[in-house]
Amino acid sequence: NINTMGWYRQAPGKQRELVASITSGGRTNTADSVKGRFTISRDNAKN
């Protein structure tokens, strides 16, 4: 059963960082570096 989904990114020579996440209830969290530019969403019917 899937709860939280998210996106991470890793640039060359850098550590992996959290970009955005979204809970099963639709609560989102985004990194300050992408806030206002990136939007995370989910389609539960399509997982």
All heavy atoms as atom14 arrays in JSON, in Angstrom:
{
  "sequence": "NINTMGWYRQAPGKQRELVASITSGGRTNTADSVKGRFTISRDNAKN",
  "atom14_mask": [
    [1, 1, 1, 1, 1, 1, 1, 1, 0, 0, 0, 0, 0, 0],
    [1, 1, 1, 1, 1, 1, 1, 1, 0, 0, 0, 0, 0, 0],
    [1, 1, 1, 1, 1, 1, 1, 1, 0, 0, 0, 0, 0, 0],
    [1, 1, 1, 1, 1, 1, 1, 0, 0, 0, 0, 0, 0, 0],
    [1, 1, 1, 1, 1, 1, 1, 1, 0, 0, 0, 0, 0, 0],
    [1, 1, 1, 1, 0, 0, 0, 0, 0, 0, 0, 0, 0, 0],
    [1, 1, 1, 1, 1, 1, 1, 1, 1, 1, 1, 1, 1, 1],
    [1, 1, 1, 1, 1, 1, 1, 1, 1, 1, 1, 1, 0, 0],
    [1, 1, 1, 1, 1, 1, 1, 1, 1, 1, 1, 0, 0, 0],
    [1, 1, 1, 1, 1, 1, 1, 1, 1, 0, 0, 0, 0, 0],
    [1, 1, 1, 1, 1, 0, 0, 0, 0, 0, 0, 0, 0, 0],
    [1, 1, 1, 1, 1, 1, 1, 0, 0, 0, 0, 0, 0, 0],
    [1, 1, 1, 1, 0, 0, 0, 0, 0, 0, 0, 0, 0, 0],
    [1, 1, 1, 1, 1, 1, 1, 1, 1, 0, 0, 0, 0, 0],
    [1, 1, 1, 1, 1, 1, 1, 1, 1, 0, 0, 0, 0, 0],
    [1, 1, 1, 1, 1, 1, 1, 1, 1, 1, 1, 0, 0, 0],
    [1, 1, 1, 1, 1, 1, 1, 1, 1, 0, 0, 0, 0, 0],
    [1, 1, 1, 1, 1, 1, 1, 1, 0, 0, 0, 0, 0, 0],
    [1, 1, 1, 1, 1, 1, 1, 0, 0, 0, 0, 0, 0, 0],
    [1, 1, 1, 1, 1, 0, 0, 0, 0, 0, 0, 0, 0, 0],
    [1, 1, 1, 1, 1, 1, 0, 0, 0, 0, 0, 0, 0, 0],
    [1, 1, 1, 1, 1, 1, 1, 1, 0, 0, 0, 0, 0, 0],
    [1, 1, 1, 1, 1, 1, 1, 0, 0, 0, 0, 0, 0, 0],
    [1, 1, 1, 1, 1, 1, 0, 0, 0, 0, 0, 0, 0, 0],
    [1, 1, 1, 1, 0, 0, 0, 0, 0, 0, 0, 0, 0, 0],
    [1, 1, 1, 1, 0, 0, 0, 0, 0, 0, 0, 0, 0, 0],
    [1, 1, 1, 1, 1, 1, 1, 1, 1, 1, 1, 0, 0, 0],
    [1, 1, 1, 1, 1, 1, 1, 0, 0, 0, 0, 0, 0, 0],
    [1, 1, 1, 1, 1, 1, 1, 1, 0, 0, 0, 0, 0, 0],
    [1, 1, 1, 1, 1, 1, 1, 0, 0, 0, 0, 0, 0, 0],
    [1, 1, 1, 1, 1, 0, 0, 0, 0, 0, 0, 0, 0, 0],
    [1, 1, 1, 1, 1, 1, 1, 1, 0, 0, 0, 0, 0, 0],
    [1, 1, 1, 1, 1, 1, 0, 0, 0, 0, 0, 0, 0, 0],
    [1, 1, 1, 1, 1, 1, 1, 0, 0, 0, 0, 0, 0, 0],
    [1, 1, 1, 1, 1, 1, 1, 1, 1, 0, 0, 0, 0, 0],
    [1, 1, 1, 1, 0, 0, 0, 0, 0, 0, 0, 0, 0, 0],
    [1, 1, 1, 1, 1, 1, 1, 1, 1, 1, 1, 0, 0, 0],
    [1, 1, 1, 1, 1, 1, 1, 1, 1, 1, 1, 0, 0, 0],
    [1, 1, 1, 1, 1, 1, 1, 0, 0, 0, 0, 0, 0, 0],
    [1, 1, 1, 1, 1, 1, 1, 1, 0, 0, 0, 0, 0, 0],
    [1, 1, 1, 1, 1, 1, 0, 0, 0, 0, 0, 0, 0, 0],
    [1, 1, 1, 1, 1, 1, 1, 1, 1, 1, 1, 0, 0, 0],
    [1, 1, 1, 1, 1, 1, 1, 1, 0, 0, 0, 0, 0, 0],
    [1, 1, 1, 1, 1, 1, 1, 1, 0, 0, 0, 0, 0, 0],
    [1, 1, 1, 1, 1, 0, 0, 0, 0, 0, 0, 0, 0, 0],
    [1, 1, 1, 1, 1, 1, 1, 1, 1, 0, 0, 0, 0, 0],
    [1, 1, 1, 1, 1, 1, 1, 1, 0, 0, 0, 0, 0, 0]
  ],
  "atom14_positions": [
    [[0.85, -1.19, 0.0], [0.0, 0.0, 0.0], [0.88, 1.24, 0.0], [1.67, 1.44, 0.92], [-0.92, 0.01, 1.21], [-1.97, -1.08, 1.16], [-2.52, -1.37, 0.11], [-2.26, -1.68, 2.31], [0.0, 0.0, 0.0], [0.0, 0.0, 0.0], [0.0, 0.0, 0.0], [0.0, 0.0, 0.0], [0.0, 0.0, 0.0], [0.0, 0.0, 0.0]],
    [[0.74, 2.05, -1.02], [1.57, 3.23, -1.19], [1.06, 4.36, -0.31], [-0.12, 4.69, -0.32], [1.59, 3.66, -2.66], [2.21, 2.57, -3.52], [2.36, 4.97, -2.82], [2.13, 2.84, -5.01], [0.0, 0.0, 0.0], [0.0, 0.0, 0.0], [0.0, 0.0, 0.0], [0.0, 0.0, 0.0], [0.0, 0.0, 0.0], [0.0, 0.0, 0.0]],
    [[1.97, 4.95, 0.41], [1.65, 6.11, 1.23], [2.24, 7.37, 0.6], [1.58, 8.05, -0.17], [2.16, 5.91, 2.66], [1.39, 4.83, 3.39], [0.2, 4.63, 3.15], [2.06, 4.13, 4.3], [0.0, 0.0, 0.0], [0.0, 0.0, 0.0], [0.0, 0.0, 0.0], [0.0, 0.0, 0.0], [0.0, 0.0, 0.0], [0.0, 0.0, 0.0]],
    [[3.48, 7.66, 0.92], [4.11, 8.87, 0.41], [4.86, 8.59, -0.88], [5.55, 7.58, -1.01], [5.07, 9.45, 1.46], [4.35, 9.72, 2.66], [5.68, 10.74, 0.96], [0.0, 0.0, 0.0], [0.0, 0.0, 0.0], [0.0, 0.0, 0.0], [0.0, 0.0, 0.0], [0.0, 0.0, 0.0], [0.0, 0.0, 0.0], [0.0, 0.0, 0.0]],
    [[4.72, 9.5, -1.83], [5.48, 9.48, -3.06], [6.32, 10.75, -3.14], [5.91, 11.79, -2.62], [4.56, 9.42, -4.28], [3.72, 8.17, -4.38], [2.67, 8.21, -5.87], [1.99, 6.56, -5.85], [0.0, 0.0, 0.0], [0.0, 0.0, 0.0], [0.0, 0.0, 0.0], [0.0, 0.0, 0.0], [0.0, 0.0, 0.0], [0.0, 0.0, 0.0]],
    [[7.46, 10.64, -3.77], [8.31, 11.81, -3.84], [9.3, 11.75, -4.97], [9.44, 10.73, -5.66], [0.0, 0.0, 0.0], [0.0, 0.0, 0.0], [0.0, 0.0, 0.0], [0.0, 0.0, 0.0], [0.0, 0.0, 0.0], [0.0, 0.0, 0.0], [0.0, 0.0, 0.0], [0.0, 0.0, 0.0], [0.0, 0.0, 0.0], [0.0, 0.0, 0.0]],
    [[9.96, 12.87, -5.16], [10.99, 13.0, -6.16], [12.26, 13.52, -5.51], [12.22, 14.48, -4.73], [10.57, 13.95, -7.28], [9.49, 13.42, -8.15], [8.16, 13.63, -8.03], [9.66, 12.58, -9.3], [7.47, 12.98, -9.02], [8.37, 12.33, -9.82], [10.77, 12.03, -9.94], [8.17, 11.54, -10.95], [10.57, 11.24, -11.06], [9.27, 11.0, -11.55]],
    [[13.36, 12.89, -5.82], [14.68, 13.32, -5.42], [15.48, 13.62, -6.67], [15.14, 13.18, -7.76], [15.39, 12.24, -4.6], [14.82, 12.01, -3.21], [13.61, 11.35, -3.03], [15.51, 12.44, -2.08], [13.09, 11.14, -1.77], [15.01, 12.22, -0.81], [13.8, 11.57, -0.66], [13.3, 11.35, 0.6], [0.0, 0.0, 0.0], [0.0, 0.0, 0.0]],
    [[16.55, 14.35, -6.49], [17.44, 14.59, -7.6], [18.88, 14.58, -7.12], [19.17, 14.87, -5.97], [17.12, 15.91, -8.32], [17.42, 17.16, -7.5], [16.97, 18.39, -8.27], [17.28, 19.63, -7.56], [16.89, 20.83, -7.98], [16.19, 20.96, -9.1], [17.22, 21.91, -7.27], [0.0, 0.0, 0.0], [0.0, 0.0, 0.0], [0.0, 0.0, 0.0]],
    [[19.76, 14.25, -8.03], [21.18, 14.21, -7.72], [21.96, 14.77, -8.9], [21.93, 14.21, -10.0], [21.64, 12.79, -7.41], [23.07, 12.7, -6.93], [23.42, 11.32, -6.39], [22.74, 10.35, -6.67], [24.47, 11.25, -5.6], [0.0, 0.0, 0.0], [0.0, 0.0, 0.0], [0.0, 0.0, 0.0], [0.0, 0.0, 0.0], [0.0, 0.0, 0.0]],
    [[22.63, 15.87, -8.66], [23.48, 16.48, -9.66], [24.87, 15.85, -9.58], [25.25, 15.3, -8.54], [23.56, 17.99, -9.46], [0.0, 0.0, 0.0], [0.0, 0.0, 0.0], [0.0, 0.0, 0.0], [0.0, 0.0, 0.0], [0.0, 0.0, 0.0], [0.0, 0.0, 0.0], [0.0, 0.0, 0.0], [0.0, 0.0, 0.0], [0.0, 0.0, 0.0]],
    [[25.64, 15.92, -10.65], [26.98, 15.34, -10.63], [27.83, 15.87, -9.5], [27.92, 17.08, -9.29], [27.56, 15.74, -11.99], [26.36, 15.9, -12.87], [25.3, 16.47, -11.98], [0.0, 0.0, 0.0], [0.0, 0.0, 0.0], [0.0, 0.0, 0.0], [0.0, 0.0, 0.0], [0.0, 0.0, 0.0], [0.0, 0.0, 0.0], [0.0, 0.0, 0.0]],
    [[28.42, 14.97, -8.74], [29.28, 15.36, -7.64], [28.58, 15.84, -6.4], [29.24, 16.27, -5.44], [0.0, 0.0, 0.0], [0.0, 0.0, 0.0], [0.0, 0.0, 0.0], [0.0, 0.0, 0.0], [0.0, 0.0, 0.0], [0.0, 0.0, 0.0], [0.0, 0.0, 0.0], [0.0, 0.0, 0.0], [0.0, 0.0, 0.0], [0.0, 0.0, 0.0]],
    [[27.26, 15.78, -6.37], [26.5, 16.24, -5.22], [25.65, 15.12, -4.64], [25.39, 14.11, -5.3], [25.61, 17.42, -5.6], [26.38, 18.67, -6.04], [25.44, 19.82, -6.3], [26.19, 21.07, -6.69], [25.27, 22.21, -6.94], [0.0, 0.0, 0.0], [0.0, 0.0, 0.0], [0.0, 0.0, 0.0], [0.0, 0.0, 0.0], [0.0, 0.0, 0.0]],
    [[25.23, 15.32, -3.4], [24.38, 14.35, -2.75], [22.95, 14.45, -3.26], [22.51, 15.49, -3.74], [24.41, 14.54, -1.23], [25.73, 14.19, -0.57], [25.65, 14.28, 0.93], [25.05, 15.2, 1.48], [26.24, 13.3, 1.61], [0.0, 0.0, 0.0], [0.0, 0.0, 0.0], [0.0, 0.0, 0.0], [0.0, 0.0, 0.0], [0.0, 0.0, 0.0]],
    [[22.25, 13.36, -3.12], [20.85, 13.33, -3.5], [20.04, 14.19, -2.53], [20.23, 14.14, -1.32], [20.35, 11.89, -3.5], [18.95, 11.7, -4.05], [18.58, 10.22, -4.13], [19.49, 9.49, -4.99], [19.36, 8.2, -5.27], [18.37, 7.5, -4.75], [20.25, 7.61, -6.07], [0.0, 0.0, 0.0], [0.0, 0.0, 0.0], [0.0, 0.0, 0.0]],
    [[19.12, 14.96, -3.08], [18.3, 15.84, -2.26], [16.83, 15.65, -2.59], [16.46, 15.32, -3.72], [18.71, 17.3, -2.48], [18.46, 17.81, -3.89], [18.77, 19.28, -4.05], [18.93, 19.98, -3.02], [18.86, 19.75, -5.21], [0.0, 0.0, 0.0], [0.0, 0.0, 0.0], [0.0, 0.0, 0.0], [0.0, 0.0, 0.0], [0.0, 0.0, 0.0]],
    [[16.02, 15.88, -1.6], [14.58, 15.8, -1.78], [14.09, 17.02, -2.54], [14.41, 18.16, -2.19], [13.87, 15.71, -0.43], [12.34, 15.73, -0.46], [11.81, 14.48, -1.14], [11.77, 15.87, 0.94], [0.0, 0.0, 0.0], [0.0, 0.0, 0.0], [0.0, 0.0, 0.0], [0.0, 0.0, 0.0], [0.0, 0.0, 0.0], [0.0, 0.0, 0.0]],
    [[13.31, 16.78, -3.57], [12.72, 17.86, -4.36], [11.3, 18.14, -3.9], [10.94, 19.29, -3.63], [12.73, 17.51, -5.86], [12.06, 18.62, -6.67], [14.15, 17.29, -6.35], [0.0, 0.0, 0.0], [0.0, 0.0, 0.0], [0.0, 0.0, 0.0], [0.0, 0.0, 0.0], [0.0, 0.0, 0.0], [0.0, 0.0, 0.0], [0.0, 0.0, 0.0]],
    [[10.5, 17.11, -3.82], [9.11, 17.27, -3.41], [8.55, 15.93, -3.0], [9.02, 14.88, -3.45], [8.26, 17.88, -4.53], [0.0, 0.0, 0.0], [0.0, 0.0, 0.0], [0.0, 0.0, 0.0], [0.0, 0.0, 0.0], [0.0, 0.0, 0.0], [0.0, 0.0, 0.0], [0.0, 0.0, 0.0], [0.0, 0.0, 0.0], [0.0, 0.0, 0.0]],
    [[7.55, 15.96, -2.16], [6.88, 14.75, -1.73], [5.4, 15.03, -1.57], [4.98, 16.18, -1.42], [7.47, 14.22, -0.41], [7.26, 15.14, 0.64], [0.0, 0.0, 0.0], [0.0, 0.0, 0.0], [0.0, 0.0, 0.0], [0.0, 0.0, 0.0], [0.0, 0.0, 0.0], [0.0, 0.0, 0.0], [0.0, 0.0, 0.0], [0.0, 0.0, 0.0]],
    [[4.63, 13.97, -1.6], [3.19, 14.09, -1.46], [2.67, 12.86, -0.75], [3.03, 11.72, -1.08], [2.5, 14.3, -2.83], [1.0, 14.49, -2.67], [2.82, 13.14, -3.78], [0.3, 14.97, -3.94], [0.0, 0.0, 0.0], [0.0, 0.0, 0.0], [0.0, 0.0, 0.0], [0.0, 0.0, 0.0], [0.0, 0.0, 0.0], [0.0, 0.0, 0.0]],
    [[1.82, 13.07, 0.23], [1.26, 11.97, 0.99], [0.02, 11.43, 0.3], [-0.49, 12.01, -0.66], [0.91, 12.41, 2.42], [-0.17, 13.35, 2.37], [2.11, 13.06, 3.1], [0.0, 0.0, 0.0], [0.0, 0.0, 0.0], [0.0, 0.0, 0.0], [0.0, 0.0, 0.0], [0.0, 0.0, 0.0], [0.0, 0.0, 0.0], [0.0, 0.0, 0.0]],
    [[-0.46, 10.33, 0.81], [-1.68, 9.75, 0.26], [-2.87, 10.67, 0.43], [-3.83, 10.59, -0.34], [-1.97, 8.39, 0.92], [-2.12, 8.53, 2.32], [0.0, 0.0, 0.0], [0.0, 0.0, 0.0], [0.0, 0.0, 0.0], [0.0, 0.0, 0.0], [0.0, 0.0, 0.0], [0.0, 0.0, 0.0], [0.0, 0.0, 0.0], [0.0, 0.0, 0.0]],
    [[-2.81, 11.55, 1.43], [-3.87, 12.51, 1.64], [-3.73, 13.78, 0.83], [-4.6, 14.66, 0.94], [0.0, 0.0, 0.0], [0.0, 0.0, 0.0], [0.0, 0.0, 0.0], [0.0, 0.0, 0.0], [0.0, 0.0, 0.0], [0.0, 0.0, 0.0], [0.0, 0.0, 0.0], [0.0, 0.0, 0.0], [0.0, 0.0, 0.0], [0.0, 0.0, 0.0]],
    [[-2.67, 13.89, 0.05], [-2.49, 15.04, -0.81], [-1.66, 16.16, -0.21], [-1.52, 17.22, -0.83], [0.0, 0.0, 0.0], [0.0, 0.0, 0.0], [0.0, 0.0, 0.0], [0.0, 0.0, 0.0], [0.0, 0.0, 0.0], [0.0, 0.0, 0.0], [0.0, 0.0, 0.0], [0.0, 0.0, 0.0], [0.0, 0.0, 0.0], [0.0, 0.0, 0.0]],
    [[-1.11, 15.95, 0.96], [-0.25, 16.97, 1.55], [1.1, 16.97, 0.86], [1.73, 15.94, 0.71], [-0.08, 16.71, 3.04], [0.69, 17.8, 3.78], [0.74, 17.52, 5.26], [1.41, 18.57, 5.99], [1.6, 18.59, 7.3], [1.14, 17.57, 8.04], [2.22, 19.6, 7.88], [0.0, 0.0, 0.0], [0.0, 0.0, 0.0], [0.0, 0.0, 0.0]],
    [[1.54, 18.15, 0.45], [2.77, 18.27, -0.32], [3.84, 19.02, 0.46], [3.56, 19.83, 1.35], [2.53, 19.0, -1.65], [2.04, 20.33, -1.39], [1.51, 18.24, -2.49], [0.0, 0.0, 0.0], [0.0, 0.0, 0.0], [0.0, 0.0, 0.0], [0.0, 0.0, 0.0], [0.0, 0.0, 0.0], [0.0, 0.0, 0.0], [0.0, 0.0, 0.0]],
    [[5.06, 18.74, 0.09], [6.21, 19.41, 0.64], [7.22, 19.57, -0.5], [7.53, 18.61, -1.2], [6.82, 18.61, 1.78], [7.98, 19.33, 2.44], [7.98, 20.55, 2.56], [8.97, 18.57, 2.89], [0.0, 0.0, 0.0], [0.0, 0.0, 0.0], [0.0, 0.0, 0.0], [0.0, 0.0, 0.0], [0.0, 0.0, 0.0], [0.0, 0.0, 0.0]],
    [[7.7, 20.79, -0.68], [8.64, 21.06, -1.75], [9.86, 21.79, -1.21], [9.76, 22.56, -0.26], [8.0, 21.9, -2.87], [7.5, 23.13, -2.32], [6.85, 21.15, -3.52], [0.0, 0.0, 0.0], [0.0, 0.0, 0.0], [0.0, 0.0, 0.0], [0.0, 0.0, 0.0], [0.0, 0.0, 0.0], [0.0, 0.0, 0.0], [0.0, 0.0, 0.0]],
    [[10.98, 21.55, -1.85], [12.2, 22.22, -1.46], [12.12, 23.7, -1.81], [11.48, 24.09, -2.8], [13.4, 21.58, -2.16], [0.0, 0.0, 0.0], [0.0, 0.0, 0.0], [0.0, 0.0, 0.0], [0.0, 0.0, 0.0], [0.0, 0.0, 0.0], [0.0, 0.0, 0.0], [0.0, 0.0, 0.0], [0.0, 0.0, 0.0], [0.0, 0.0, 0.0]],
    [[12.78, 24.51, -1.01], [12.75, 25.95, -1.25], [13.31, 26.31, -2.62], [12.87, 27.28, -3.25], [13.53, 26.68, -0.17], [12.84, 26.64, 1.18], [11.61, 26.43, 1.22], [13.52, 26.84, 2.2], [0.0, 0.0, 0.0], [0.0, 0.0, 0.0], [0.0, 0.0, 0.0], [0.0, 0.0, 0.0], [0.0, 0.0, 0.0], [0.0, 0.0, 0.0]],
    [[14.27, 25.53, -3.09], [14.92, 25.84, -4.35], [13.99, 25.68, -5.55], [14.27, 26.24, -6.62], [16.15, 24.96, -4.54], [15.8, 23.59, -4.54], [0.0, 0.0, 0.0], [0.0, 0.0, 0.0], [0.0, 0.0, 0.0], [0.0, 0.0, 0.0], [0.0, 0.0, 0.0], [0.0, 0.0, 0.0], [0.0, 0.0, 0.0], [0.0, 0.0, 0.0]],
    [[12.91, 24.93, -5.39], [12.0, 24.7, -6.5], [10.6, 25.2, -6.22], [9.74, 25.13, -7.1], [11.94, 23.2, -6.87], [13.34, 22.68, -7.19], [11.3, 22.39, -5.75], [0.0, 0.0, 0.0], [0.0, 0.0, 0.0], [0.0, 0.0, 0.0], [0.0, 0.0, 0.0], [0.0, 0.0, 0.0], [0.0, 0.0, 0.0], [0.0, 0.0, 0.0]],
    [[10.37, 25.7, -5.02], [9.05, 26.17, -4.65], [8.59, 27.29, -5.58], [9.33, 28.23, -5.84], [9.05, 26.63, -3.19], [7.67, 26.86, -2.6], [7.75, 27.08, -1.1], [8.3, 25.85, -0.4], [8.35, 26.01, 1.09], [0.0, 0.0, 0.0], [0.0, 0.0, 0.0], [0.0, 0.0, 0.0], [0.0, 0.0, 0.0], [0.0, 0.0, 0.0]],
    [[7.38, 27.16, -6.05], [6.84, 28.13, -6.99], [7.09, 27.78, -8.43], [6.47, 28.38, -9.32], [0.0, 0.0, 0.0], [0.0, 0.0, 0.0], [0.0, 0.0, 0.0], [0.0, 0.0, 0.0], [0.0, 0.0, 0.0], [0.0, 0.0, 0.0], [0.0, 0.0, 0.0], [0.0, 0.0, 0.0], [0.0, 0.0, 0.0], [0.0, 0.0, 0.0]],
    [[7.98, 26.83, -8.68], [8.29, 26.41, -10.03], [7.88, 24.97, -10.3], [7.44, 24.63, -11.4], [9.78, 26.57, -10.33], [10.28, 28.0, -10.22], [11.72, 28.13, -10.68], [12.63, 27.34, -9.86], [13.38, 26.34, -10.32], [13.32, 26.01, -11.61], [14.19, 25.68, -9.51], [0.0, 0.0, 0.0], [0.0, 0.0, 0.0], [0.0, 0.0, 0.0]],
    [[8.06, 24.12, -9.3], [7.74, 22.7, -9.43], [6.46, 22.39, -8.66], [6.22, 22.93, -7.58], [8.86, 21.81, -8.89], [10.13, 21.85, -9.68], [10.32, 22.76, -10.71], [11.15, 20.95, -9.38], [11.5, 22.79, -11.44], [12.33, 20.97, -10.11], [12.51, 21.89, -11.13], [0.0, 0.0, 0.0], [0.0, 0.0, 0.0], [0.0, 0.0, 0.0]],
    [[5.68, 21.49, -9.19], [4.47, 21.04, -8.54], [4.39, 19.53, -8.58], [4.49, 18.94, -9.65], [3.21, 21.64, -9.2], [3.28, 23.07, -9.17], [1.96, 21.19, -8.46], [0.0, 0.0, 0.0], [0.0, 0.0, 0.0], [0.0, 0.0, 0.0], [0.0, 0.0, 0.0], [0.0, 0.0, 0.0], [0.0, 0.0, 0.0], [0.0, 0.0, 0.0]],
    [[4.2, 18.93, -7.44], [4.05, 17.49, -7.37], [2.57, 17.15, -7.25], [1.81, 17.86, -6.59], [4.85, 16.9, -6.19], [4.86, 15.37, -6.26], [4.31, 17.38, -4.85], [5.82, 14.72, -5.26], [0.0, 0.0, 0.0], [0.0, 0.0, 0.0], [0.0, 0.0, 0.0], [0.0, 0.0, 0.0], [0.0, 0.0, 0.0], [0.0, 0.0, 0.0]],
    [[2.18, 16.08, -7.89], [0.8, 15.62, -7.83], [0.78, 14.11, -7.99], [1.79, 13.49, -8.33], [-0.06, 16.3, -8.9], [0.41, 15.98, -10.2], [0.0, 0.0, 0.0], [0.0, 0.0, 0.0], [0.0, 0.0, 0.0], [0.0, 0.0, 0.0], [0.0, 0.0, 0.0], [0.0, 0.0, 0.0], [0.0, 0.0, 0.0], [0.0, 0.0, 0.0]],
    [[-0.37, 13.52, -7.75], [-0.49, 12.08, -7.89], [-1.88, 11.72, -8.38], [-2.86, 12.42, -8.13], [-0.18, 11.37, -6.56], [-1.13, 11.73, -5.42], [-0.61, 11.18, -4.09], [-0.72, 9.73, -4.01], [-0.17, 8.99, -3.05], [0.55, 9.58, -2.1], [-0.34, 7.68, -3.03], [0.0, 0.0, 0.0], [0.0, 0.0, 0.0], [0.0, 0.0, 0.0]],
    [[-1.92, 10.62, -9.06], [-3.16, 10.05, -9.54], [-3.27, 8.67, -8.91], [-2.62, 7.72, -9.35], [-3.18, 9.95, -11.07], [-4.51, 9.49, -11.62], [-5.28, 8.85, -10.89], [-4.79, 9.79, -12.8], [0.0, 0.0, 0.0], [0.0, 0.0, 0.0], [0.0, 0.0, 0.0], [0.0, 0.0, 0.0], [0.0, 0.0, 0.0], [0.0, 0.0, 0.0]],
    [[-4.06, 8.58, -7.88], [-4.15, 7.32, -7.15], [-4.75, 6.19, -7.98], [-4.41, 5.02, -7.79], [-4.97, 7.52, -5.88], [-4.26, 8.37, -4.85], [-3.03, 8.36, -4.77], [-5.01, 9.09, -4.04], [0.0, 0.0, 0.0], [0.0, 0.0, 0.0], [0.0, 0.0, 0.0], [0.0, 0.0, 0.0], [0.0, 0.0, 0.0], [0.0, 0.0, 0.0]],
    [[-5.64, 6.54, -8.9], [-6.24, 5.53, -9.76], [-5.2, 4.87, -10.65], [-5.33, 3.7, -11.01], [-7.35, 6.13, -10.6], [0.0, 0.0, 0.0], [0.0, 0.0, 0.0], [0.0, 0.0, 0.0], [0.0, 0.0, 0.0], [0.0, 0.0, 0.0], [0.0, 0.0, 0.0], [0.0, 0.0, 0.0], [0.0, 0.0, 0.0], [0.0, 0.0, 0.0]],
    [[-4.18, 5.62, -11.02], [-3.12, 5.1, -11.87], [-1.85, 4.75, -11.09], [-0.87, 4.31, -11.69], [-2.77, 6.11, -12.97], [-3.91, 6.42, -13.92], [-3.47, 7.42, -14.98], [-4.57, 7.72, -15.96], [-4.15, 8.7, -16.99], [0.0, 0.0, 0.0], [0.0, 0.0, 0.0], [0.0, 0.0, 0.0], [0.0, 0.0, 0.0], [0.0, 0.0, 0.0]],
    [[-1.88, 4.97, -9.79], [-0.69, 4.76, -8.96], [0.52, 5.48, -9.54], [1.61, 4.91, -9.64], [-0.41, 3.26, -8.81], [-1.44, 2.56, -7.97], [-1.92, 3.1, -6.97], [-1.78, 1.34, -8.35], [0.0, 0.0, 0.0], [0.0, 0.0, 0.0], [0.0, 0.0, 0.0], [0.0, 0.0, 0.0], [0.0, 0.0, 0.0], [0.0, 0.0, 0.0]]
  ]
}
